[in-house]
Amino acid sequence: MVLRAGSLRHRLIIQSKNSTGDGMGGVTVSWSDDKTVYGAIWPLRGTERLTAQQLESEITCQVRMRYTPGMTPEKRIQVGDTTQMLDVVSVINPDYRNRELILYCRESL
């Protein structure tokens, strides 16, 4: 399938996790921006569940973007300038041709 530029309308900021020790045995986690790309986002499924008397919502979505080396499930994606964060669950390189990536992501609300 060919990715057309017109379908890649969402600005996506790829972020990497940085863990630093705090000297007391704990770890501080922060995220840093790696690269900004454009892609298409399609919601696939939404679920709600009651856990410890708290309602938790989760949206699963598919993100299609041009091939970006180094994309792994350890990354996350910030959608534009919003607070919407997508945790990357899996990365698929169709036909291993390094032309596009299909990411399955989870957004917790």
Protein backbone atom coordinates (compact mmCIF):
# COMPACT_ATOMS: atom_id res chain seq x y z
CA MET A 1 0.00 0.00 0.00
CA VAL A 2 1.30 3.44 -0.92
CA LEU A 3 1.26 6.19 1.69
CA ARG A 4 -0.05 9.38 0.18
CA ALA A 5 1.11 12.64 1.72
CA GLY A 6 -2.48 13.89 2.08
CA SER A 7 -3.39 11.07 4.47
CA LEU A 8 -0.47 11.88 6.79
CA ARG A 9 -2.15 14.82 8.47
CA HIS A 10 -1.25 14.32 12.14
CA ARG A 11 2.00 15.75 13.49
CA LEU A 12 3.60 13.08 15.67
CA ILE A 13 6.45 13.68 18.10
CA ILE A 14 8.39 10.48 18.79
CA GLN A 15 9.74 10.39 22.34
CA SER A 16 12.32 8.20 24.11
CA LYS A 17 12.31 7.20 27.77
CA ASN A 18 15.19 8.34 29.97
CA SER A 19 15.66 6.71 33.38
CA THR A 20 18.05 8.20 35.94
CA GLY A 21 18.82 6.96 39.43
CA ASP A 22 18.00 9.30 42.28
CA GLY A 23 20.76 8.00 44.58
CA MET A 24 18.31 6.44 47.03
CA GLY A 25 17.51 3.31 45.02
CA GLY A 26 14.66 4.92 43.09
CA VAL A 27 14.44 5.85 39.44
CA THR A 28 13.23 9.07 37.87
CA VAL A 29 11.65 8.65 34.43
CA SER A 30 11.53 11.47 31.89
CA TRP A 31 10.79 11.62 28.17
CA SER A 32 12.76 13.46 25.49
CA ASP A 33 11.70 14.34 21.95
CA ASP A 34 13.55 12.38 19.25
CA LYS A 35 11.94 13.30 15.98
CA THR A 36 8.83 14.92 14.51
CA VAL A 37 7.06 13.08 11.68
CA TYR A 38 3.63 13.09 10.06
CA GLY A 39 1.28 10.13 10.11
CA ALA A 40 -2.31 8.91 10.03
CA ILE A 41 -4.17 7.73 13.14
CA TRP A 42 -7.16 5.36 13.13
CA PRO A 43 -8.94 4.39 16.36
CA LEU A 44 -9.54 0.63 16.47
CA ARG A 45 -11.19 -0.13 19.81
CA GLY A 46 -12.22 1.57 23.01
CA THR A 47 -12.72 -0.18 26.35
CA GLU A 48 -13.76 0.82 29.84
CA ARG A 49 -13.29 -1.17 33.02
CA LEU A 50 -13.82 -0.66 36.71
CA THR A 51 -10.63 -1.22 38.72
CA ALA A 52 -10.48 -0.51 42.45
CA GLN A 53 -13.69 1.50 42.13
CA GLN A 54 -12.06 3.71 39.46
CA LEU A 55 -13.27 3.82 35.88
CA GLU A 56 -10.37 3.31 33.45
CA SER A 57 -10.73 3.98 29.73
CA GLU A 58 -8.36 2.79 27.03
CA ILE A 59 -8.28 3.42 23.31
CA THR A 60 -6.33 1.18 20.92
CA CYS A 61 -5.32 2.77 17.63
CA GLN A 62 -3.27 2.18 14.51
CA VAL A 63 -0.70 4.73 13.36
CA ARG A 64 0.73 4.66 9.84
CA MET A 65 3.81 6.69 9.02
CA ARG A 66 6.80 6.70 6.73
CA TYR A 67 9.67 4.44 7.76
CA THR A 68 11.68 5.79 10.67
CA PRO A 69 14.76 3.82 11.77
CA GLY A 70 14.96 2.94 15.45
CA MET A 71 11.20 2.87 16.10
CA THR A 72 10.57 0.34 18.91
CA PRO A 73 7.84 -0.42 21.46
CA GLU A 74 9.94 1.41 24.08
CA LYS A 75 8.99 4.72 22.42
CA ARG A 76 5.85 6.78 22.82
CA ILE A 77 4.16 9.32 20.55
CA GLN A 78 2.82 12.74 21.43
CA VAL A 79 0.09 13.85 19.02
CA GLY A 80 0.85 17.42 17.93
CA ASP A 81 0.90 20.04 20.68
CA THR A 82 -1.78 18.23 22.68
CA THR A 83 -1.43 16.20 25.86
CA GLN A 84 -2.52 13.06 23.98
CA MET A 85 0.14 10.35 24.42
CA LEU A 86 0.21 7.01 22.61
CA ASP A 87 2.23 4.13 24.05
CA VAL A 88 3.66 2.03 21.21
CA VAL A 89 2.71 -1.64 21.68
CA SER A 90 4.07 -3.08 18.42
CA VAL A 91 5.90 -1.91 15.31
CA ILE A 92 5.33 -3.55 11.92
CA ASN A 93 7.50 -2.95 8.84
CA PRO A 94 5.26 -4.29 6.00
CA ASP A 95 7.17 -6.60 3.65
CA TYR A 96 10.42 -5.39 5.31
CA ARG A 97 10.78 -2.79 2.58
CA ASN A 98 11.57 0.17 4.89
CA ARG A 99 8.94 2.37 3.26
CA GLU A 100 6.30 2.64 5.96
CA LEU A 101 5.60 1.57 9.51
CA ILE A 102 2.35 0.42 11.08
CA LEU A 103 2.25 0.99 14.82
CA TYR A 104 -0.32 -0.39 17.19
CA CYS A 105 -0.65 1.98 20.13
CA ARG A 106 -2.57 2.34 23.34
CA GLU A 107 -3.88 5.58 24.80
CA SER A 108 -4.91 5.50 28.43
CA LEU A 109 -7.41 8.12 29.50
